[in-house]
């Protein structure tokens, strides 16, 4: 059972001030490859899963930024942890 929602905004610092959108696209690709449920929003991406699994995805996202040449990364993270279950759909169903 999924017990967490984690929203992340990843902000890589590039060597020469390049556009960060390709970096953000690569970070989202890491999420996609992890196979967790996720939704991309304008300022952050929300993932649904087990907390330990989602932390591992965040670690891989940061590692990917370094692989692409980022000199440092800010990862702003929000976490909803509910041992009895967490669901994006359930939290937002009245708005859809």
PDB file of N, CA and C in Angstrom:
ATOM      1  N   UNK A   1       0.843  -1.186   0.000  1.00  0.00           N
ATOM      2  CA  UNK A   1       0.000   0.000   0.000  1.00  0.00           C
ATOM      3  C   UNK A   1       0.885   1.245   0.000  1.00  0.00           C
ATOM      4  N   UNK A   2       0.493   2.207  -0.810  1.00  0.00           N
ATOM      5  CA  UNK A   2       1.207   3.477  -0.829  1.00  0.00           C
ATOM      6  C   UNK A   2       0.887   4.251   0.452  1.00  0.00           C
ATOM      7  N   UNK A   3       1.943   4.755   1.092  1.00  0.00           N
ATOM      8  CA  UNK A   3       1.730   5.475   2.336  1.00  0.00           C
ATOM      9  C   UNK A   3       2.159   6.939   2.273  1.00  0.00           C
ATOM     10  N   UNK A   4       2.583   7.385   1.082  1.00  0.00           N
ATOM     11  CA  UNK A   4       3.114   8.749   1.015  1.00  0.00           C
ATOM     12  C   UNK A   4       2.849   9.430  -0.321  1.00  0.00           C
ATOM     13  N   UNK A   5       2.729  10.733  -0.227  1.00  0.00           N
ATOM     14  CA  UNK A   5       2.780  11.611  -1.387  1.00  0.00           C
ATOM     15  C   UNK A   5       3.989  12.506  -1.159  1.00  0.00           C
ATOM     16  N   UNK A   6       4.823  12.625  -2.161  1.00  0.00           N
ATOM     17  CA  UNK A   6       6.002  13.484  -2.074  1.00  0.00           C
ATOM     18  C   UNK A   6       6.002  14.396  -3.292  1.00  0.00           C
ATOM     19  N   UNK A   7       6.004  15.693  -3.030  1.00  0.00           N
ATOM     20  CA  UNK A   7       6.121  16.669  -4.100  1.00  0.00           C
ATOM     21  C   UNK A   7       7.536  17.210  -4.092  1.00  0.00           C
ATOM     22  N   UNK A   8       8.112  17.327  -5.285  1.00  0.00           N
ATOM     23  CA  UNK A   8       9.483  17.816  -5.386  1.00  0.00           C
ATOM     24  C   UNK A   8       9.595  18.865  -6.478  1.00  0.00           C
ATOM     25  N   UNK A   9      10.312  19.911  -6.137  1.00  0.00           N
ATOM     26  CA  UNK A   9      10.734  20.901  -7.121  1.00  0.00           C
ATOM     27  C   UNK A   9      12.250  20.824  -7.123  1.00  0.00           C
ATOM     28  N   UNK A  10      12.823  20.439  -8.252  1.00  0.00           N
ATOM     29  CA  UNK A  10      14.270  20.310  -8.331  1.00  0.00           C
ATOM     30  C   UNK A  10      14.815  21.508  -9.094  1.00  0.00           C
ATOM     31  N   UNK A  11      15.829  22.140  -8.497  1.00  0.00           N
ATOM     32  CA  UNK A  11      16.388  23.359  -9.074  1.00  0.00           C
ATOM     33  C   UNK A  11      17.899  23.159  -9.225  1.00  0.00           C
ATOM     34  N   UNK A  12      18.327  22.705 -10.398  1.00  0.00           N
ATOM     35  CA  UNK A  12      19.756  22.493 -10.602  1.00  0.00           C
ATOM     36  C   UNK A  12      20.467  23.795 -10.958  1.00  0.00           C
ATOM     37  N   UNK A  13      21.668  23.943 -10.429  1.00  0.00           N
ATOM     38  CA  UNK A  13      22.508  25.074 -10.829  1.00  0.00           C
ATOM     39  C   UNK A  13      23.408  24.569 -11.947  1.00  0.00           C
ATOM     40  N   UNK A  14      23.357  25.250 -13.084  1.00  0.00           N
ATOM     41  CA  UNK A  14      24.146  24.808 -14.231  1.00  0.00           C
ATOM     42  C   UNK A  14      25.464  25.570 -14.282  1.00  0.00           C
ATOM     43  N   UNK A  15      26.438  24.972 -14.943  1.00  0.00           N
ATOM     44  CA  UNK A  15      27.783  25.552 -14.999  1.00  0.00           C
ATOM     45  C   UNK A  15      27.795  26.956 -15.584  1.00  0.00           C
ATOM     46  N   UNK A  16      27.096  27.131 -16.692  1.00  0.00           N
ATOM     47  CA  UNK A  16      27.155  28.404 -17.414  1.00  0.00           C
ATOM     48  C   UNK A  16      25.810  29.110 -17.486  1.00  0.00           C
ATOM     49  N   UNK A  17      24.934  28.796 -16.544  1.00  0.00           N
ATOM     50  CA  UNK A  17      23.624  29.444 -16.522  1.00  0.00           C
ATOM     51  C   UNK A  17      22.696  28.994 -17.636  1.00  0.00           C
ATOM     52  N   UNK A  18      22.898  27.779 -18.132  1.00  0.00           N
ATOM     53  CA  UNK A  18      22.032  27.252 -19.190  1.00  0.00           C
ATOM     54  C   UNK A  18      20.597  27.093 -18.690  1.00  0.00           C
ATOM     55  N   UNK A  19      19.696  26.957 -19.629  1.00  0.00           N
ATOM     56  CA  UNK A  19      18.291  26.694 -19.335  1.00  0.00           C
ATOM     57  C   UNK A  19      18.193  25.395 -18.534  1.00  0.00           C
ATOM     58  N   UNK A  20      17.417  25.403 -17.462  1.00  0.00           N
ATOM     59  CA  UNK A  20      17.310  24.202 -16.617  1.00  0.00           C
ATOM     60  C   UNK A  20      16.220  23.234 -17.075  1.00  0.00           C
ATOM     61  N   UNK A  21      15.393  23.640 -18.021  1.00  0.00           N
ATOM     62  CA  UNK A  21      14.283  22.767 -18.447  1.00  0.00           C
ATOM     63  C   UNK A  21      14.770  21.389 -18.908  1.00  0.00           C
ATOM     64  N   UNK A  22      15.830  21.272 -19.700  1.00  0.00           N
ATOM     65  CA  UNK A  22      16.296  19.922 -20.049  1.00  0.00           C
ATOM     66  C   UNK A  22      16.707  19.100 -18.824  1.00  0.00           C
ATOM     67  N   UNK A  23      17.224  19.754 -17.808  1.00  0.00           N
ATOM     68  CA  UNK A  23      17.587  19.073 -16.568  1.00  0.00           C
ATOM     69  C   UNK A  23      16.321  18.582 -15.850  1.00  0.00           C
ATOM     70  N   UNK A  24      15.324  19.440 -15.780  1.00  0.00           N
ATOM     71  CA  UNK A  24      14.057  19.068 -15.142  1.00  0.00           C
ATOM     72  C   UNK A  24      13.416  17.914 -15.906  1.00  0.00           C
ATOM     73  N   UNK A  25      13.473  17.957 -17.222  1.00  0.00           N
ATOM     74  CA  UNK A  25      12.948  16.851 -18.034  1.00  0.00           C
ATOM     75  C   UNK A  25      13.663  15.543 -17.685  1.00  0.00           C
ATOM     76  N   UNK A  26      14.969  15.612 -17.491  1.00  0.00           N
ATOM     77  CA  UNK A  26      15.740  14.417 -17.125  1.00  0.00           C
ATOM     78  C   UNK A  26      15.358  13.920 -15.739  1.00  0.00           C
ATOM     79  N   UNK A  27      15.072  14.840 -14.823  1.00  0.00           N
ATOM     80  CA  UNK A  27      14.644  14.444 -13.475  1.00  0.00           C
ATOM     81  C   UNK A  27      13.292  13.732 -13.536  1.00  0.00           C
ATOM     82  N   UNK A  28      12.391  14.242 -14.355  1.00  0.00           N
ATOM     83  CA  UNK A  28      11.088  13.597 -14.518  1.00  0.00           C
ATOM     84  C   UNK A  28      11.243  12.223 -15.164  1.00  0.00           C
ATOM     85  N   UNK A  29      12.204  12.094 -16.058  1.00  0.00           N
ATOM     86  CA  UNK A  29      12.477  10.794 -16.677  1.00  0.00           C
ATOM     87  C   UNK A  29      12.920   9.774 -15.619  1.00  0.00           C
ATOM     88  N   UNK A  30      13.684  10.227 -14.631  1.00  0.00           N
ATOM     89  CA  UNK A  30      14.087   9.343 -13.531  1.00  0.00           C
ATOM     90  C   UNK A  30      12.852   8.834 -12.792  1.00  0.00           C
ATOM     91  N   UNK A  31      11.905   9.720 -12.540  1.00  0.00           N
ATOM     92  CA  UNK A  31      10.660   9.324 -11.874  1.00  0.00           C
ATOM     93  C   UNK A  31       9.920   8.297 -12.719  1.00  0.00           C
ATOM     94  N   UNK A  32       9.822   8.584 -14.010  1.00  0.00           N
ATOM     95  CA  UNK A  32       9.114   7.674 -14.922  1.00  0.00           C
ATOM     96  C   UNK A  32       9.757   6.293 -14.924  1.00  0.00           C
ATOM     97  N   UNK A  33      11.076   6.254 -14.977  1.00  0.00           N
ATOM     98  CA  UNK A  33      11.791   4.973 -14.979  1.00  0.00           C
ATOM     99  C   UNK A  33      11.621   4.214 -13.669  1.00  0.00           C
ATOM    100  N   UNK A  34      11.365   4.929 -12.587  1.00  0.00           N
ATOM    101  CA  UNK A  34      11.169   4.275 -11.283  1.00  0.00           C
ATOM    102  C   UNK A  34       9.835   3.540 -11.222  1.00  0.00           C
ATOM    103  N   UNK A  35       8.917   3.914 -12.101  1.00  0.00           N
ATOM    104  CA  UNK A  35       7.640   3.220 -12.152  1.00  0.00           C
ATOM    105  C   UNK A  35       6.636   3.616 -11.088  1.00  0.00           C
ATOM    106  N   UNK A  36       6.881   4.742 -10.409  1.00  0.00           N
ATOM    107  CA  UNK A  36       5.917   5.201  -9.412  1.00  0.00           C
ATOM    108  C   UNK A  36       4.864   6.072 -10.081  1.00  0.00           C
ATOM    109  N   UNK A  37       3.701   6.148  -9.469  1.00  0.00           N
ATOM    110  CA  UNK A  37       2.657   7.040  -9.965  1.00  0.00           C
ATOM    111  C   UNK A  37       3.107   8.473  -9.717  1.00  0.00           C
ATOM    112  N   UNK A  38       2.904   9.342 -10.714  1.00  0.00           N
ATOM    113  CA  UNK A  38       3.307  10.731 -10.541  1.00  0.00           C
ATOM    114  C   UNK A  38       2.455  11.645 -11.418  1.00  0.00           C
ATOM    115  N   UNK A  39       2.445  12.912 -11.048  1.00  0.00           N
ATOM    116  CA  UNK A  39       1.791  13.955 -11.834  1.00  0.00           C
ATOM    117  C   UNK A  39       2.716  15.159 -11.878  1.00  0.00           C
ATOM    118  N   UNK A  40       2.893  15.697 -13.078  1.00  0.00           N
ATOM    119  CA  UNK A  40       3.699  16.903 -13.250  1.00  0.00           C
ATOM    120  C   UNK A  40       2.780  18.107 -13.152  1.00  0.00           C
ATOM    121  N   UNK A  41       3.195  19.079 -12.357  1.00  0.00           N
ATOM    122  CA  UNK A  41       2.469  20.336 -12.192  1.00  0.00           C
ATOM    123  C   UNK A  41       3.415  21.471 -12.584  1.00  0.00           C
ATOM    124  N   UNK A  42       2.909  22.682 -12.738  1.00  0.00           N
ATOM    125  CA  UNK A  42       3.771  23.772 -13.210  1.00  0.00           C
ATOM    126  C   UNK A  42       5.011  24.038 -12.363  1.00  0.00           C
ATOM    127  N   UNK A  43       4.918  23.886 -11.044  1.00  0.00           N
ATOM    128  CA  UNK A  43       6.045  24.242 -10.190  1.00  0.00           C
ATOM    129  C   UNK A  43       6.648  23.069  -9.425  1.00  0.00           C
ATOM    130  N   UNK A  44       6.056  21.884  -9.560  1.00  0.00           N
ATOM    131  CA  UNK A  44       6.569  20.712  -8.849  1.00  0.00           C
ATOM    132  C   UNK A  44       5.951  19.459  -9.451  1.00  0.00           C
ATOM    133  N   UNK A  45       6.520  18.338  -9.092  1.00  0.00           N
ATOM    134  CA  UNK A  45       5.996  17.040  -9.502  1.00  0.00           C
ATOM    135  C   UNK A  45       5.662  16.268  -8.239  1.00  0.00           C
ATOM    136  N   UNK A  46       4.480  15.636  -8.222  1.00  0.00           N
ATOM    137  CA  UNK A  46       4.051  14.855  -7.062  1.00  0.00           C
ATOM    138  C   UNK A  46       4.114  13.377  -7.404  1.00  0.00           C
ATOM    139  N   UNK A  47       4.714  12.608  -6.489  1.00  0.00           N
ATOM    140  CA  UNK A  47       4.826  11.159  -6.631  1.00  0.00           C
ATOM    141  C   UNK A  47       4.014  10.485  -5.533  1.00  0.00           C
ATOM    142  N   UNK A  48       3.555   9.288  -5.820  1.00  0.00           N
ATOM    143  CA  UNK A  48       2.790   8.495  -4.858  1.00  0.00           C
ATOM    144  C   UNK A  48       3.463   7.139  -4.699  1.00  0.00           C
ATOM    145  N   UNK A  49       3.678   6.716  -3.452  1.00  0.00           N
ATOM    146  CA  UNK A  49       4.296   5.416  -3.225  1.00  0.00           C
ATOM    147  C   UNK A  49       4.671   5.230  -1.776  1.00  0.00           C
ATOM    148  N   UNK A  50       5.579   4.299  -1.559  1.00  0.00           N
ATOM    149  CA  UNK A  50       6.109   4.081  -0.209  1.00  0.00           C
ATOM    150  C   UNK A  50       7.216   5.104   0.026  1.00  0.00           C
ATOM    151  N   UNK A  51       7.248   5.651   1.234  1.00  0.00           N
ATOM    152  CA  UNK A  51       8.167   6.744   1.536  1.00  0.00           C
ATOM    153  C   UNK A  51       9.620   6.393   1.212  1.00  0.00           C
ATOM    154  N   UNK A  52      10.071   5.224   1.622  1.00  0.00           N
ATOM    155  CA  UNK A  52      11.468   4.846   1.361  1.00  0.00           C
ATOM    156  C   UNK A  52      11.749   4.774  -0.135  1.00  0.00           C
ATOM    157  N   UNK A  53      10.788   4.272  -0.891  1.00  0.00           N
ATOM    158  CA  UNK A  53      10.930   4.180  -2.348  1.00  0.00           C
ATOM    159  C   UNK A  53      11.029   5.577  -2.971  1.00  0.00           C
ATOM    160  N   UNK A  54      10.208   6.508  -2.490  1.00  0.00           N
ATOM    161  CA  UNK A  54      10.205   7.853  -3.047  1.00  0.00           C
ATOM    162  C   UNK A  54      11.473   8.612  -2.684  1.00  0.00           C
ATOM    163  N   UNK A  55      12.010   8.383  -1.480  1.00  0.00           N
ATOM    164  CA  UNK A  55      13.295   9.000  -1.117  1.00  0.00           C
ATOM    165  C   UNK A  55      14.410   8.502  -2.045  1.00  0.00           C
ATOM    166  N   UNK A  56      14.361   7.229  -2.393  1.00  0.00           N
ATOM    167  CA  UNK A  56      15.365   6.676  -3.310  1.00  0.00           C
ATOM    168  C   UNK A  56      15.257   7.331  -4.690  1.00  0.00           C
ATOM    169  N   UNK A  57      14.042   7.608  -5.128  1.00  0.00           N
ATOM    170  CA  UNK A  57      13.843   8.291  -6.414  1.00  0.00           C
ATOM    171  C   UNK A  57      14.446   9.697  -6.356  1.00  0.00           C
ATOM    172  N   UNK A  58      14.223  10.399  -5.256  1.00  0.00           N
ATOM    173  CA  UNK A  58      14.788  11.748  -5.100  1.00  0.00           C
ATOM    174  C   UNK A  58      16.314  11.688  -5.153  1.00  0.00           C
ATOM    175  N   UNK A  59      16.890  10.704  -4.503  1.00  0.00           N
ATOM    176  CA  UNK A  59      18.346  10.558  -4.543  1.00  0.00           C
ATOM    177  C   UNK A  59      18.828  10.351  -5.982  1.00  0.00           C
ATOM    178  N   UNK A  60      18.136   9.503  -6.731  1.00  0.00           N
ATOM    179  CA  UNK A  60      18.511   9.256  -8.127  1.00  0.00           C
ATOM    180  C   UNK A  60      18.333  10.513  -8.987  1.00  0.00           C
ATOM    181  N   UNK A  61      17.315  11.295  -8.703  1.00  0.00           N
ATOM    182  CA  UNK A  61      17.101  12.542  -9.443  1.00  0.00           C
ATOM    183  C   UNK A  61      18.294  13.476  -9.246  1.00  0.00           C
ATOM    184  N   UNK A  62      18.742  13.612  -8.007  1.00  0.00           N
ATOM    185  CA  UNK A  62      19.883  14.482  -7.716  1.00  0.00           C
ATOM    186  C   UNK A  62      21.157  13.948  -8.360  1.00  0.00           C
ATOM    187  N   UNK A  63      21.348  12.642  -8.303  1.00  0.00           N
ATOM    188  CA  UNK A  63      22.516  12.032  -8.950  1.00  0.00           C
ATOM    189  C   UNK A  63      22.501  12.296 -10.453  1.00  0.00           C
ATOM    190  N   UNK A  64      21.326  12.236 -11.058  1.00  0.00           N
ATOM    191  CA  UNK A  64      21.205  12.484 -12.500  1.00  0.00           C
ATOM    192  C   UNK A  64      21.585  13.921 -12.840  1.00  0.00           C
ATOM    193  N   UNK A  65      21.207  14.861 -11.985  1.00  0.00           N
ATOM    194  CA  UNK A  65      21.564  16.258 -12.226  1.00  0.00           C
ATOM    195  C   UNK A  65      23.082  16.429 -12.250  1.00  0.00           C
ATOM    196  N   UNK A  66      23.780  15.749 -11.337  1.00  0.00           N
ATOM    197  CA  UNK A  66      25.238  15.807 -11.292  1.00  0.00           C
ATOM    198  C   UNK A  66      25.824  15.188 -12.560  1.00  0.00           C
ATOM    199  N   UNK A  67      25.269  14.038 -12.975  1.00  0.00           N
ATOM    200  CA  UNK A  67      25.729  13.392 -14.209  1.00  0.00           C
ATOM    201  C   UNK A  67      25.624  14.333 -15.408  1.00  0.00           C
ATOM    202  N   UNK A  68      24.604  15.171 -15.414  1.00  0.00           N
ATOM    203  CA  UNK A  68      24.389  16.104 -16.528  1.00  0.00           C
ATOM    204  C   UNK A  68      25.250  17.360 -16.407  1.00  0.00           C
ATOM    205  N   UNK A  69      25.982  17.482 -15.316  1.00  0.00           N
ATOM    206  CA  UNK A  69      26.893  18.603 -15.166  1.00  0.00           C
ATOM    207  C   UNK A  69      26.465  19.688 -14.203  1.00  0.00           C
ATOM    208  N   UNK A  70      25.388  19.476 -13.486  1.00  0.00           N
ATOM    209  CA  UNK A  70      24.958  20.471 -12.507  1.00  0.00           C
ATOM    210  C   UNK A  70      25.981  20.543 -11.376  1.00  0.00           C
ATOM    211  N   UNK A  71      26.327  21.765 -10.982  1.00  0.00           N
ATOM    212  CA  UNK A  71      27.325  21.931  -9.925  1.00  0.00           C
ATOM    213  C   UNK A  71      26.727  21.856  -8.524  1.00  0.00           C
ATOM    214  N   UNK A  72      25.427  22.098  -8.407  1.00  0.00           N
ATOM    215  CA  UNK A  72      24.708  21.917  -7.145  1.00  0.00           C
ATOM    216  C   UNK A  72      23.216  21.870  -7.458  1.00  0.00           C
ATOM    217  N   UNK A  73      22.460  21.338  -6.516  1.00  0.00           N
ATOM    218  CA  UNK A  73      21.027  21.145  -6.727  1.00  0.00           C
ATOM    219  C   UNK A  73      20.278  21.500  -5.454  1.00  0.00           C
ATOM    220  N   UNK A  74      19.192  22.243  -5.614  1.00  0.00           N
ATOM    221  CA  UNK A  74      18.262  22.453  -4.515  1.00  0.00           C
ATOM    222  C   UNK A  74      17.055  21.568  -4.803  1.00  0.00           C
ATOM    223  N   UNK A  75      16.674  20.742  -3.848  1.00  0.00           N
ATOM    224  CA  UNK A  75      15.473  19.916  -3.966  1.00  0.00           C
ATOM    225  C   UNK A  75      14.510  20.339  -2.868  1.00  0.00           C
ATOM    226  N   UNK A  76      13.451  21.007  -3.267  1.00  0.00           N
ATOM    227  CA  UNK A  76      12.424  21.404  -2.298  1.00  0.00           C
ATOM    228  C   UNK A  76      11.380  20.295  -2.270  1.00  0.00           C
ATOM    229  N   UNK A  77      11.162  19.734  -1.088  1.00  0.00           N
ATOM    230  CA  UNK A  77      10.333  18.547  -0.956  1.00  0.00           C
ATOM    231  C   UNK A  77       9.221  18.772   0.065  1.00  0.00           C
ATOM    232  N   UNK A  78       8.015  18.320  -0.293  1.00  0.00           N
ATOM    233  CA  UNK A  78       6.879  18.291   0.644  1.00  0.00           C
ATOM    234  C   UNK A  78       6.430  16.838   0.756  1.00  0.00           C
ATOM    235  N   UNK A  79       6.117  16.420   1.965  1.00  0.00           N
ATOM    236  CA  UNK A  79       5.771  15.023   2.201  1.00  0.00           C
ATOM    237  C   UNK A  79       4.459  14.917   2.965  1.00  0.00           C
ATOM    238  N   UNK A  80       3.578  14.063   2.455  1.00  0.00           N
ATOM    239  CA  UNK A  80       2.407  13.627   3.208  1.00  0.00           C
ATOM    240  C   UNK A  80       2.634  12.157   3.506  1.00  0.00           C
ATOM    241  N   UNK A  81       2.713  11.820   4.782  1.00  0.00           N
ATOM    242  CA  UNK A  81       2.904  10.433   5.195  1.00  0.00           C
ATOM    243  C   UNK A  81       1.677  10.001   5.980  1.00  0.00           C
ATOM    244  N   UNK A  82       1.061   8.916   5.537  1.00  0.00           N
ATOM    245  CA  UNK A  82      -0.111   8.371   6.216  1.00  0.00           C
ATOM    246  C   UNK A  82       0.014   6.849   6.203  1.00  0.00           C
ATOM    247  N   UNK A  83       0.371   6.239   7.327  1.00  0.00           N
ATOM    248  CA  UNK A  83       0.579   4.795   7.362  1.00  0.00           C
ATOM    249  C   UNK A  83      -0.608   3.980   6.849  1.00  0.00           C
ATOM    250  N   UNK A  84      -1.821   4.530   6.948  1.00  0.00           N
ATOM    251  CA  UNK A  84      -2.992   3.779   6.484  1.00  0.00           C
ATOM    252  C   UNK A  84      -3.282   3.997   5.000  1.00  0.00           C
ATOM    253  N   UNK A  85      -2.489   4.827   4.332  1.00  0.00           N
ATOM    254  CA  UNK A  85      -2.638   5.000   2.886  1.00  0.00           C
ATOM    255  C   UNK A  85      -2.694   6.453   2.466  1.00  0.00           C
ATOM    256  N   UNK A  86      -2.093   6.723   1.309  1.00  0.00           N
ATOM    257  CA  UNK A  86      -2.092   8.071   0.741  1.00  0.00           C
ATOM    258  C   UNK A  86      -2.355   7.966  -0.752  1.00  0.00           C
ATOM    259  N   UNK A  87      -3.197   8.857  -1.261  1.00  0.00           N
ATOM    260  CA  UNK A  87      -3.580   8.796  -2.670  1.00  0.00           C
ATOM    261  C   UNK A  87      -3.810  10.192  -3.224  1.00  0.00           C
ATOM    262  N   UNK A  88      -3.150  10.502  -4.342  1.00  0.00           N
ATOM    263  CA  UNK A  88      -3.391  11.780  -5.020  1.00  0.00           C
ATOM    264  C   UNK A  88      -4.850  11.875  -5.449  1.00  0.00           C
ATOM    265  N   UNK A  89      -5.347  10.803  -6.015  1.00  0.00           N
ATOM    266  CA  UNK A  89      -6.727  10.807  -6.519  1.00  0.00           C
ATOM    267  C   UNK A  89      -7.730  11.088  -5.397  1.00  0.00           C
ATOM    268  N   UNK A  90      -7.528  10.448  -4.272  1.00  0.00           N
ATOM    269  CA  UNK A  90      -8.459  10.639  -3.155  1.00  0.00           C
ATOM    270  C   UNK A  90      -8.424  12.076  -2.626  1.00  0.00           C
ATOM    271  N   UNK A  91      -7.235  12.643  -2.544  1.00  0.00           N
ATOM    272  CA  UNK A  91      -7.110  14.007  -2.037  1.00  0.00           C
ATOM    273  C   UNK A  91      -7.677  15.066  -2.976  1.00  0.00           C
ATOM    274  N   UNK A  92      -7.706  14.750  -4.265  1.00  0.00           N
ATOM    275  CA  UNK A  92      -8.142  15.763  -5.238  1.00  0.00           C
ATOM    276  C   UNK A  92      -9.452  15.430  -5.940  1.00  0.00           C
ATOM    277  N   UNK A  93     -10.107  14.338  -5.577  1.00  0.00           N
ATOM    278  CA  UNK A  93     -11.303  13.897  -6.299  1.00  0.00           C
ATOM    279  C   UNK A  93     -12.408  14.950  -6.352  1.00  0.00           C
ATOM    280  N   UNK A  94     -12.587  15.757  -5.328  1.00  0.00           N
ATOM    281  CA  UNK A  94     -13.667  16.741  -5.361  1.00  0.00           C
ATOM    282  C   UNK A  94     -13.374  17.886  -6.319  1.00  0.00           C
ATOM    283  N   UNK A  95     -12.134  18.000  -6.787  1.00  0.00           N
ATOM    284  CA  UNK A  95     -11.767  19.063  -7.714  1.00  0.00           C
ATOM    285  C   UNK A  95     -11.755  18.608  -9.169  1.00  0.00           C
ATOM    286  N   UNK A  96     -12.036  17.362  -9.402  1.00  0.00           N
ATOM    287  CA  UNK A  96     -11.980  16.800 -10.772  1.00  0.00           C
ATOM    288  C   UNK A  96     -13.354  16.519 -11.304  1.00  0.00           C
TER     289      UNK A  96
END
